Amino acid sequence: MKKTLLLLTLFIFIAKPGFSQIEDRLAQLAQNNAENYIRPFATSLGTAMNSNGYYSADISTMISFSVSFRGMYILIPESQKTFTPTFDVAGYQSNKESATIYGDKGAAYAGPNGYIVMPPGINRSGIPVGYPQIGASFMGTEVILRYLPKVKIADNNDLSIFGLGVAHSISQYIPLFPLDLAVQLLYNNIEITGVMKLNNIAFNAHASKTIGLLTPYIGLQYENTSLDLNYTIKGEPQSGDPNLRTDQNISASVTGDNHFRATVGASLKLAVIVLNADFSLGSQPVAAGGLTFAF
């Protein structure tokens, strides 16, 4: 049951053994390069958790509840598949790019102490994501919750997810306004004990117009993602970088590249079932959809 829940609610590359691949690659990197190597991953996590927070700006003034499953596919731009390393060792030049976590081939850099070798990536152009969500609304305010209790994904690592969102109708204060308008604040947290903790916050304004069963919607959003990461360098005595020759524990803090996005989409209401699909353009474009049971 836990394995099924994990597959339904997590990124493919977070779940074991996917995340262990990331750990193995980080183990070959000094802190400054690890931060740039992993930054697109932090961006993806933030992009996912800050997505699919609404499908209409029409928020009920009566008591209502919803249960939904949110799915999306994040597109990784080519520009986020490579980066140029930097070295604190004299005699080494960053004369070529190497893979980020989403790239393909790593690179080797020659210098007076031998080679400094950068790890390859997992060679991905897109990432699927899915998680459940529940919501409740009253008097033009909606609260949504995303939650996964601790699930063991390795001997010493548990994973948990917590997300909370609050949306409020603005159009209820503007009589006869032709569109529904709302604002929303989102906070999301993902933690793998002893490995990483990700915090996201987002604020958006969105508008919609219901035409029969169909509700087109648009939105603009500001968001911010921070990733605190802990990993262990596996010492390689032959490395050209003295910082990589011995085992050591590293703590790093990474800010995602996701800051602004624009969203356009539509939802279809069939009795208590709502289907929605949208596309967001930001640092990492994302196509999203949802199945909601609204009561």
C-alpha atoms as a PDB file:
ATOM      1  CA  MET A   1       0.000   0.000   0.000  1.00  0.00           C
ATOM      2  CA  LYS A   2       2.774   2.422   0.906  1.00  0.00           C
ATOM      3  CA  LYS A   3       4.588   1.699  -2.357  1.00  0.00           C
ATOM      4  CA  THR A   4       1.381   2.386  -4.318  1.00  0.00           C
ATOM      5  CA  LEU A   5       0.840   5.649  -2.476  1.00  0.00           C
ATOM      6  CA  LEU A   6       4.430   6.642  -3.099  1.00  0.00           C
ATOM      7  CA  LEU A   7       4.100   6.084  -6.835  1.00  0.00           C
ATOM      8  CA  LEU A   8       0.906   8.132  -6.920  1.00  0.00           C
ATOM      9  CA  THR A   9       2.274  11.095  -5.053  1.00  0.00           C
ATOM     10  CA  LEU A  10       5.954  11.522  -5.845  1.00  0.00           C
ATOM     11  CA  PHE A  11       8.275  12.403  -8.642  1.00  0.00           C
ATOM     12  CA  ILE A  12       9.644   9.340 -10.341  1.00  0.00           C
ATOM     13  CA  PHE A  13      13.182  10.520  -9.611  1.00  0.00           C
ATOM     14  CA  ILE A  14      12.536  11.063  -5.881  1.00  0.00           C
ATOM     15  CA  ALA A  15      11.363   7.524  -5.259  1.00  0.00           C
ATOM     16  CA  LYS A  16      13.937   4.848  -4.559  1.00  0.00           C
ATOM     17  CA  PRO A  17      16.036   3.997  -6.515  1.00  0.00           C
ATOM     18  CA  GLY A  18      15.714   7.267  -8.469  1.00  0.00           C
ATOM     19  CA  PHE A  19      16.873   9.571  -5.698  1.00  0.00           C
ATOM     20  CA  SER A  20      19.855   7.322  -4.927  1.00  0.00           C
ATOM     21  CA  GLN A  21      21.077   8.076  -8.462  1.00  0.00           C
ATOM     22  CA  ILE A  22      21.087  11.775  -7.615  1.00  0.00           C
ATOM     23  CA  GLU A  23      22.930  11.132  -4.347  1.00  0.00           C
ATOM     24  CA  ASP A  24      25.585   9.097  -6.169  1.00  0.00           C
ATOM     25  CA  ARG A  25      26.221  11.960  -8.579  1.00  0.00           C
ATOM     26  CA  LEU A  26      26.316  14.629  -5.885  1.00  0.00           C
ATOM     27  CA  ALA A  27      28.930  12.540  -4.060  1.00  0.00           C
ATOM     28  CA  GLN A  28      31.379  13.474  -6.826  1.00  0.00           C
ATOM     29  CA  LEU A  29      30.920  17.243  -6.558  1.00  0.00           C
ATOM     30  CA  ALA A  30      32.348  20.067  -4.482  1.00  0.00           C
ATOM     31  CA  GLN A  31      29.726  22.338  -2.962  1.00  0.00           C
ATOM     32  CA  ASN A  32      29.828  25.197  -5.495  1.00  0.00           C
ATOM     33  CA  ASN A  33      29.380  22.840  -8.441  1.00  0.00           C
ATOM     34  CA  ALA A  34      26.809  20.707  -6.614  1.00  0.00           C
ATOM     35  CA  GLU A  35      24.588  23.769  -6.212  1.00  0.00           C
ATOM     36  CA  ASN A  36      24.591  24.505  -9.947  1.00  0.00           C
ATOM     37  CA  TYR A  37      24.295  20.821 -10.829  1.00  0.00           C
ATOM     38  CA  ILE A  38      21.161  20.345  -8.698  1.00  0.00           C
ATOM     39  CA  ARG A  39      19.484  23.747  -9.272  1.00  0.00           C
ATOM     40  CA  PRO A  40      17.205  22.532 -12.125  1.00  0.00           C
ATOM     41  CA  PHE A  41      16.013  19.754  -9.789  1.00  0.00           C
ATOM     42  CA  ALA A  42      15.069  22.335  -7.143  1.00  0.00           C
ATOM     43  CA  THR A  43      13.301  24.328  -9.845  1.00  0.00           C
ATOM     44  CA  SER A  44      11.294  21.256 -10.890  1.00  0.00           C
ATOM     45  CA  LEU A  45      10.207  20.476  -7.348  1.00  0.00           C
ATOM     46  CA  GLY A  46       9.063  24.058  -6.841  1.00  0.00           C
ATOM     47  CA  THR A  47       7.378  24.215 -10.243  1.00  0.00           C
ATOM     48  CA  ALA A  48       5.421  21.059  -9.484  1.00  0.00           C
ATOM     49  CA  MET A  49       4.274  21.973  -5.991  1.00  0.00           C
ATOM     50  CA  ASN A  50       3.319  25.501  -7.073  1.00  0.00           C
ATOM     51  CA  SER A  51       1.215  24.227  -9.985  1.00  0.00           C
ATOM     52  CA  ASN A  52      -2.440  23.280 -10.396  1.00  0.00           C
ATOM     53  CA  GLY A  53      -3.708  25.264  -7.417  1.00  0.00           C
ATOM     54  CA  TYR A  54      -6.934  26.378  -9.135  1.00  0.00           C
ATOM     55  CA  TYR A  55      -9.232  25.648 -12.065  1.00  0.00           C
ATOM     56  CA  SER A  56     -11.666  28.538 -11.593  1.00  0.00           C
ATOM     57  CA  ALA A  57     -11.805  31.915  -9.870  1.00  0.00           C
ATOM     58  CA  ASP A  58     -15.443  31.324  -8.916  1.00  0.00           C
ATOM     59  CA  ILE A  59     -15.184  30.442  -5.215  1.00  0.00           C
ATOM     60  CA  SER A  60     -18.382  29.316  -3.531  1.00  0.00           C
ATOM     61  CA  THR A  61     -19.969  31.437  -0.817  1.00  0.00           C
ATOM     62  CA  MET A  62     -21.662  28.282   0.492  1.00  0.00           C
ATOM     63  CA  ILE A  63     -19.956  25.398   2.287  1.00  0.00           C
ATOM     64  CA  SER A  64     -18.389  23.029  -0.263  1.00  0.00           C
ATOM     65  CA  PHE A  65     -15.720  20.345  -0.343  1.00  0.00           C
ATOM     66  CA  SER A  66     -13.507  18.778  -3.009  1.00  0.00           C
ATOM     67  CA  VAL A  67     -11.175  15.810  -3.431  1.00  0.00           C
ATOM     68  CA  SER A  68      -8.873  15.766  -6.426  1.00  0.00           C
ATOM     69  CA  PHE A  69      -5.816  14.239  -8.028  1.00  0.00           C
ATOM     70  CA  ARG A  70      -3.396  16.617  -9.728  1.00  0.00           C
ATOM     71  CA  GLY A  71      -1.049  15.502 -12.487  1.00  0.00           C
ATOM     72  CA  MET A  72       1.427  17.384 -14.625  1.00  0.00           C
ATOM     73  CA  TYR A  73       4.377  17.064 -16.946  1.00  0.00           C
ATOM     74  CA  ILE A  74       7.294  19.463 -16.506  1.00  0.00           C
ATOM     75  CA  LEU A  75       9.414  20.275 -19.563  1.00  0.00           C
ATOM     76  CA  ILE A  76      13.152  20.747 -19.021  1.00  0.00           C
ATOM     77  CA  PRO A  77      14.679  23.437 -21.285  1.00  0.00           C
ATOM     78  CA  GLU A  78      17.959  22.626 -23.020  1.00  0.00           C
ATOM     79  CA  SER A  79      19.566  25.583 -21.219  1.00  0.00           C
ATOM     80  CA  GLN A  80      19.024  23.799 -17.877  1.00  0.00           C
ATOM     81  CA  LYS A  81      20.733  20.586 -18.965  1.00  0.00           C
ATOM     82  CA  THR A  82      24.286  21.977 -18.843  1.00  0.00           C
ATOM     83  CA  PHE A  83      26.336  24.361 -16.724  1.00  0.00           C
ATOM     84  CA  THR A  84      29.919  25.622 -16.617  1.00  0.00           C
ATOM     85  CA  PRO A  85      31.748  24.377 -13.492  1.00  0.00           C
ATOM     86  CA  THR A  86      34.039  26.569 -11.436  1.00  0.00           C
ATOM     87  CA  PHE A  87      37.161  25.349  -9.630  1.00  0.00           C
ATOM     88  CA  ASP A  88      38.987  26.608  -6.549  1.00  0.00           C
ATOM     89  CA  VAL A  89      42.152  24.822  -7.685  1.00  0.00           C
ATOM     90  CA  ALA A  90      44.912  26.720  -9.519  1.00  0.00           C
ATOM     91  CA  GLY A  91      45.625  25.589 -13.051  1.00  0.00           C
ATOM     92  CA  TYR A  92      42.101  24.412 -13.958  1.00  0.00           C
ATOM     93  CA  GLN A  93      39.940  26.220 -16.488  1.00  0.00           C
ATOM     94  CA  SER A  94      36.217  25.883 -17.123  1.00  0.00           C
ATOM     95  CA  ASN A  95      36.666  25.629 -20.864  1.00  0.00           C
ATOM     96  CA  LYS A  96      33.600  23.476 -21.554  1.00  0.00           C
ATOM     97  CA  GLU A  97      30.171  22.734 -20.154  1.00  0.00           C
ATOM     98  CA  SER A  98      29.129  19.661 -18.203  1.00  0.00           C
ATOM     99  CA  ALA A  99      25.765  18.072 -17.495  1.00  0.00           C
ATOM    100  CA  THR A 100      23.366  19.211 -14.794  1.00  0.00           C
ATOM    101  CA  ILE A 101      21.198  16.560 -13.155  1.00  0.00           C
ATOM    102  CA  TYR A 102      18.975  16.573 -16.284  1.00  0.00           C
ATOM    103  CA  GLY A 103      21.823  16.555 -18.796  1.00  0.00           C
ATOM    104  CA  ASP A 104      23.596  13.657 -20.460  1.00  0.00           C
ATOM    105  CA  LYS A 105      27.388  13.442 -20.426  1.00  0.00           C
ATOM    106  CA  GLY A 106      29.708  14.767 -17.760  1.00  0.00           C
ATOM    107  CA  ALA A 107      33.107  16.250 -18.499  1.00  0.00           C
ATOM    108  CA  ALA A 108      36.731  15.976 -17.382  1.00  0.00           C
ATOM    109  CA  TYR A 109      39.031  18.949 -16.798  1.00  0.00           C
ATOM    110  CA  ALA A 110      42.813  18.553 -16.944  1.00  0.00           C
ATOM    111  CA  GLY A 111      45.248  20.435 -14.734  1.00  0.00           C
ATOM    112  CA  PRO A 112      48.500  20.141 -12.795  1.00  0.00           C
ATOM    113  CA  ASN A 113      47.026  17.690 -10.258  1.00  0.00           C
ATOM    114  CA  GLY A 114      45.411  15.392 -12.806  1.00  0.00           C
ATOM    115  CA  TYR A 115      41.766  15.335 -13.860  1.00  0.00           C
ATOM    116  CA  ILE A 116      38.699  16.731 -12.132  1.00  0.00           C
ATOM    117  CA  VAL A 117      35.767  14.629 -13.333  1.00  0.00           C
ATOM    118  CA  MET A 118      32.174  15.881 -13.382  1.00  0.00           C
ATOM    119  CA  PRO A 119      29.342  13.314 -13.206  1.00  0.00           C
ATOM    120  CA  PRO A 120      26.763  12.731 -15.949  1.00  0.00           C
ATOM    121  CA  GLY A 121      23.071  13.555 -15.573  1.00  0.00           C
ATOM    122  CA  ILE A 122      20.010  11.333 -15.823  1.00  0.00           C
ATOM    123  CA  ASN A 123      19.272  12.555 -19.391  1.00  0.00           C
ATOM    124  CA  ARG A 124      15.654  13.671 -19.029  1.00  0.00           C
ATOM    125  CA  SER A 125      13.646  16.198 -21.034  1.00  0.00           C
ATOM    126  CA  GLY A 126      10.461  15.951 -19.003  1.00  0.00           C
ATOM    127  CA  ILE A 127       9.303  14.957 -15.530  1.00  0.00           C
ATOM    128  CA  PRO A 128       5.842  13.578 -14.624  1.00  0.00           C
ATOM    129  CA  VAL A 129       4.362  14.570 -11.259  1.00  0.00           C
ATOM    130  CA  GLY A 130       1.256  13.605  -9.327  1.00  0.00           C
ATOM    131  CA  TYR A 131      -0.255  14.227  -5.898  1.00  0.00           C
ATOM    132  CA  PRO A 132      -3.672  14.270  -4.172  1.00  0.00           C
ATOM    133  CA  GLN A 133      -5.389  17.405  -2.905  1.00  0.00           C
ATOM    134  CA  ILE A 134      -8.430  18.180  -0.789  1.00  0.00           C
ATOM    135  CA  GLY A 135     -10.228  21.491  -0.464  1.00  0.00           C
ATOM    136  CA  ALA A 136     -13.018  23.292   1.357  1.00  0.00           C
ATOM    137  CA  SER A 137     -14.636  26.663   0.706  1.00  0.00           C
ATOM    138  CA  PHE A 138     -17.016  29.030   2.492  1.00  0.00           C
ATOM    139  CA  MET A 139     -17.950  32.708   2.117  1.00  0.00           C
ATOM    140  CA  GLY A 140     -15.735  33.181  -0.935  1.00  0.00           C
ATOM    141  CA  THR A 141     -12.615  31.652   0.639  1.00  0.00           C
ATOM    142  CA  GLU A 142     -11.098  28.284  -0.297  1.00  0.00           C
ATOM    143  CA  VAL A 143      -8.492  26.294   1.625  1.00  0.00           C
ATOM    144  CA  ILE A 144      -6.604  23.442  -0.073  1.00  0.00           C
ATOM    145  CA  LEU A 145      -4.393  20.820   1.546  1.00  0.00           C
ATOM    146  CA  ARG A 146      -1.711  18.538   0.110  1.00  0.00           C
ATOM    147  CA  TYR A 147      -0.391  16.032   2.588  1.00  0.00           C
ATOM    148  CA  LEU A 148       1.621  12.830   2.691  1.00  0.00           C
ATOM    149  CA  PRO A 149       2.670  11.410   6.077  1.00  0.00           C
ATOM    150  CA  LYS A 150       6.181  10.073   6.448  1.00  0.00           C
ATOM    151  CA  VAL A 151       6.890   7.191   4.085  1.00  0.00           C
ATOM    152  CA  LYS A 152      10.157   5.240   4.319  1.00  0.00           C
ATOM    153  CA  ILE A 153      12.086   5.317   1.032  1.00  0.00           C
ATOM    154  CA  ALA A 154      15.438   4.076   2.392  1.00  0.00           C
ATOM    155  CA  ASP A 155      16.811   2.582   5.612  1.00  0.00           C
ATOM    156  CA  ASN A 156      17.434   5.985   7.187  1.00  0.00           C
ATOM    157  CA  ASN A 157      15.261   8.266   5.076  1.00  0.00           C
ATOM    158  CA  ASP A 158      11.569   9.129   5.341  1.00  0.00           C
ATOM    159  CA  LEU A 159       9.739  11.347   2.900  1.00  0.00           C
ATOM    160  CA  SER A 160       6.843  13.682   3.742  1.00  0.00           C
ATOM    161  CA  ILE A 161       4.852  16.339   1.891  1.00  0.00           C
ATOM    162  CA  PHE A 162       2.805  19.202   3.284  1.00  0.00           C
ATOM    163  CA  GLY A 163       1.099  21.925   1.303  1.00  0.00           C
ATOM    164  CA  LEU A 164      -1.461  24.563   2.187  1.00  0.00           C
ATOM    165  CA  GLY A 165      -3.210  27.099  -0.011  1.00  0.00           C
ATOM    166  CA  VAL A 166      -5.728  29.869   0.631  1.00  0.00           C
ATOM    167  CA  ALA A 167      -7.704  31.568  -2.147  1.00  0.00           C
ATOM    168  CA  HIS A 168     -10.175  34.430  -1.817  1.00  0.00           C
ATOM    169  CA  SER A 169     -12.725  35.809  -4.270  1.00  0.00           C
ATOM    170  CA  ILE A 170     -12.199  39.444  -5.258  1.00  0.00           C
ATOM    171  CA  SER A 171     -15.073  39.646  -7.731  1.00  0.00           C
ATOM    172  CA  GLN A 172     -17.628  39.144  -4.935  1.00  0.00           C
ATOM    173  CA  TYR A 173     -16.895  42.744  -3.932  1.00  0.00           C
ATOM    174  CA  ILE A 174     -17.440  44.097  -7.465  1.00  0.00           C
ATOM    175  CA  PRO A 175     -21.124  43.834  -8.458  1.00  0.00           C
ATOM    176  CA  LEU A 176     -21.886  42.967 -12.089  1.00  0.00           C
ATOM    177  CA  PHE A 177     -18.202  42.459 -12.941  1.00  0.00           C
ATOM    178  CA  PRO A 178     -18.083  40.225 -16.075  1.00  0.00           C
ATOM    179  CA  LEU A 179     -15.279  37.934 -14.810  1.00  0.00           C
ATOM    180  CA  ASP A 180     -14.622  35.989 -11.656  1.00  0.00           C
ATOM    181  CA  LEU A 181     -11.425  37.195  -9.976  1.00  0.00           C
ATOM    182  CA  ALA A 182      -9.469  35.619  -7.099  1.00  0.00           C
ATOM    183  CA  VAL A 183      -6.082  35.728  -5.400  1.00  0.00           C
ATOM    184  CA  GLN A 184      -4.281  32.768  -3.858  1.00  0.00           C
ATOM    185  CA  LEU A 185      -1.343  32.110  -1.533  1.00  0.00           C
ATOM    186  CA  LEU A 186       0.396  28.702  -1.618  1.00  0.00           C
ATOM    187  CA  TYR A 187       2.952  27.172   0.746  1.00  0.00           C
ATOM    188  CA  ASN A 188       4.451  23.728   0.108  1.00  0.00           C
ATOM    189  CA  ASN A 189       7.126  21.672   1.834  1.00  0.00           C
ATOM    190  CA  ILE A 190       8.866  18.430   0.827  1.00  0.00           C
ATOM    191  CA  GLU A 191      11.320  16.755   3.178  1.00  0.00           C
ATOM    192  CA  ILE A 192      13.518  13.674   2.998  1.00  0.00           C
ATOM    193  CA  THR A 193      14.940  13.310   6.492  1.00  0.00           C
ATOM    194  CA  GLY A 194      18.681  13.805   6.618  1.00  0.00           C
ATOM    195  CA  VAL A 195      18.894  14.554   2.890  1.00  0.00           C
ATOM    196  CA  MET A 196      16.829  17.533   1.744  1.00  0.00           C
ATOM    197  CA  LYS A 197      14.156  20.005   2.720  1.00  0.00           C
ATOM    198  CA  LEU A 198      12.351  22.055   0.116  1.00  0.00           C
ATOM    199  CA  ASN A 199      10.226  25.126   0.873  1.00  0.00           C
ATOM    200  CA  ASN A 200       8.028  26.858  -1.712  1.00  0.00           C
ATOM    201  CA  ILE A 201       5.829  29.900  -1.567  1.00  0.00           C
ATOM    202  CA  ALA A 202       3.685  31.334  -4.351  1.00  0.00           C
ATOM    203  CA  PHE A 203       1.180  34.133  -4.825  1.00  0.00           C
ATOM    204  CA  ASN A 204      -1.131  34.413  -7.816  1.00  0.00           C
ATOM    205  CA  ALA A 205      -4.073  36.323  -9.216  1.00  0.00           C
ATOM    206  CA  HIS A 206      -6.391  34.457 -11.559  1.00  0.00           C
ATOM    207  CA  ALA A 207      -9.569  35.114 -13.534  1.00  0.00           C
ATOM    208  CA  SER A 208     -12.200  32.910 -15.146  1.00  0.00           C
ATOM    209  CA  LYS A 209     -15.503  33.039 -17.012  1.00  0.00           C
ATOM    210  CA  THR A 210     -18.062  30.227 -16.892  1.00  0.00           C
ATOM    211  CA  ILE A 211     -19.859  29.558 -20.160  1.00  0.00           C
ATOM    212  CA  GLY A 212     -22.282  26.691 -19.680  1.00  0.00           C
ATOM    213  CA  LEU A 213     -20.263  23.671 -18.555  1.00  0.00           C
ATOM    214  CA  LEU A 214     -16.928  25.190 -19.630  1.00  0.00           C
ATOM    215  CA  THR A 215     -14.781  27.605 -17.591  1.00  0.00           C
ATOM    216  CA  PRO A 216     -11.713  29.107 -19.303  1.00  0.00           C
ATOM    217  CA  TYR A 217      -9.185  30.621 -16.859  1.00  0.00           C
ATOM    218  CA  ILE A 218      -5.924  32.554 -16.833  1.00  0.00           C
ATOM    219  CA  GLY A 219      -3.474  33.453 -14.076  1.00  0.00           C
ATOM    220  CA  LEU A 220      -0.231  35.250 -13.215  1.00  0.00           C
ATOM    221  CA  GLN A 221       1.961  33.958 -10.387  1.00  0.00           C
ATOM    222  CA  TYR A 222       5.085  34.879  -8.459  1.00  0.00           C
ATOM    223  CA  GLU A 223       6.868  32.001  -6.713  1.00  0.00           C
ATOM    224  CA  ASN A 224      10.050  31.201  -4.844  1.00  0.00           C
ATOM    225  CA  THR A 225      11.772  27.881  -4.104  1.00  0.00           C
ATOM    226  CA  SER A 226      14.621  27.101  -1.691  1.00  0.00           C
ATOM    227  CA  LEU A 227      16.279  23.702  -1.268  1.00  0.00           C
ATOM    228  CA  ASP A 228      18.440  22.787   1.729  1.00  0.00           C
ATOM    229  CA  LEU A 229      20.555  19.796   0.799  1.00  0.00           C
ATOM    230  CA  ASN A 230      22.824  17.436   2.731  1.00  0.00           C
ATOM    231  CA  TYR A 231      25.099  14.945   0.978  1.00  0.00           C
ATOM    232  CA  THR A 232      28.371  13.091   1.475  1.00  0.00           C
ATOM    233  CA  ILE A 233      31.381  13.414  -0.811  1.00  0.00           C
ATOM    234  CA  LYS A 234      32.889   9.993  -1.477  1.00  0.00           C
ATOM    235  CA  GLY A 235      36.596  10.691  -1.459  1.00  0.00           C
ATOM    236  CA  GLU A 236      38.558   9.930  -4.615  1.00  0.00           C
ATOM    237  CA  PRO A 237      42.313  10.023  -3.818  1.00  0.00           C
ATOM    238  CA  GLN A 238      43.235  10.493  -7.490  1.00  0.00           C
ATOM    239  CA  SER A 239      41.005  13.557  -8.018  1.00  0.00           C
ATOM    240  CA  GLY A 240      42.700  16.721  -9.221  1.00  0.00           C
ATOM    241  CA  ASP A 241      40.625  18.662  -6.678  1.00  0.00           C
ATOM    242  CA  PRO A 242      42.004  18.260  -3.117  1.00  0.00           C
ATOM    243  CA  ASN A 243      38.473  18.975  -1.799  1.00  0.00           C
ATOM    244  CA  LEU A 244      37.280  15.709  -3.344  1.00  0.00           C
ATOM    245  CA  ARG A 245      40.001  13.381  -2.064  1.00  0.00           C
ATOM    246  CA  THR A 246      38.488  12.619   1.351  1.00  0.00           C
ATOM    247  CA  ASP A 247      35.007  11.762   2.589  1.00  0.00           C
ATOM    248  CA  GLN A 248      33.133  14.754   3.975  1.00  0.00           C
ATOM    249  CA  ASN A 249      29.591  15.858   4.727  1.00  0.00           C
ATOM    250  CA  ILE A 250      28.314  18.872   2.790  1.00  0.00           C
ATOM    251  CA  SER A 251      25.375  21.176   3.489  1.00  0.00           C
ATOM    252  CA  ALA A 252      24.211  23.423   0.646  1.00  0.00           C
ATOM    253  CA  SER A 253      21.351  25.817   0.035  1.00  0.00           C
ATOM    254  CA  VAL A 254      19.988  26.236  -3.489  1.00  0.00           C
ATOM    255  CA  THR A 255      17.425  28.709  -4.850  1.00  0.00           C
ATOM    256  CA  GLY A 256      15.301  27.522  -7.769  1.00  0.00           C
ATOM    257  CA  ASP A 257      15.050  29.489 -11.009  1.00  0.00           C
ATOM    258  CA  ASN A 258      11.248  29.532 -10.906  1.00  0.00           C
ATOM    259  CA  HIS A 259       9.972  33.057 -10.138  1.00  0.00           C
ATOM    260  CA  PHE A 260       7.164  34.067 -12.521  1.00  0.00           C
ATOM    261  CA  ARG A 261       4.666  32.132 -14.598  1.00  0.00           C
ATOM    262  CA  ALA A 262       1.605  32.761 -16.760  1.00  0.00           C
ATOM    263  CA  THR A 263      -1.137  30.137 -16.952  1.00  0.00           C
ATOM    264  CA  VAL A 264      -3.971  29.533 -19.389  1.00  0.00           C
ATOM    265  CA  GLY A 265      -6.441  26.663 -19.163  1.00  0.00           C
ATOM    266  CA  ALA A 266     -10.029  25.490 -18.965  1.00  0.00           C
ATOM    267  CA  SER A 267     -12.202  23.268 -16.792  1.00  0.00           C
ATOM    268  CA  LEU A 268     -15.290  21.210 -17.588  1.00  0.00           C
ATOM    269  CA  LYS A 269     -17.902  20.540 -14.897  1.00  0.00           C
ATOM    270  CA  LEU A 270     -20.046  17.404 -15.229  1.00  0.00           C
ATOM    271  CA  ALA A 271     -22.309  17.121 -12.172  1.00  0.00           C
ATOM    272  CA  VAL A 272     -19.879  16.571  -9.257  1.00  0.00           C
ATOM    273  CA  ILE A 273     -16.910  15.842 -11.549  1.00  0.00           C
ATOM    274  CA  VAL A 274     -14.584  18.602 -12.739  1.00  0.00           C
ATOM    275  CA  LEU A 275     -11.903  18.005 -15.364  1.00  0.00           C
ATOM    276  CA  ASN A 276      -9.291  20.674 -16.000  1.00  0.00           C
ATOM    277  CA  ALA A 277      -6.190  21.169 -18.114  1.00  0.00           C
ATOM    278  CA  ASP A 278      -3.784  24.098 -18.360  1.00  0.00           C
ATOM    279  CA  PHE A 279      -0.356  25.144 -19.533  1.00  0.00           C
ATOM    280  CA  SER A 280       2.025  27.396 -17.609  1.00  0.00           C
ATOM    281  CA  LEU A 281       4.946  29.235 -19.133  1.00  0.00           C
ATOM    282  CA  GLY A 282       7.827  29.876 -16.746  1.00  0.00           C
ATOM    283  CA  SER A 283      11.419  28.824 -16.145  1.00  0.00           C
ATOM    284  CA  GLN A 284      10.266  25.248 -16.745  1.00  0.00           C
ATOM    285  CA  PRO A 285       7.032  25.052 -18.780  1.00  0.00           C
ATOM    286  CA  VAL A 286       4.439  22.680 -17.345  1.00  0.00           C
ATOM    287  CA  ALA A 287       1.297  21.030 -18.734  1.00  0.00           C
ATOM    288  CA  ALA A 288      -1.121  20.170 -15.936  1.00  0.00           C
ATOM    289  CA  GLY A 289      -4.461  18.491 -15.482  1.00  0.00           C
ATOM    290  CA  GLY A 290      -6.781  17.468 -12.720  1.00  0.00           C
ATOM    291  CA  LEU A 291      -9.712  15.254 -11.796  1.00  0.00           C
ATOM    292  CA  THR A 292     -11.826  16.745  -9.028  1.00  0.00           C
ATOM    293  CA  PHE A 293     -14.894  15.544  -7.159  1.00  0.00           C
ATOM    294  CA  ALA A 294     -16.638  18.701  -5.934  1.00  0.00           C
ATOM    295  CA  PHE A 295     -19.516  18.582  -3.445  1.00  0.00           C
END
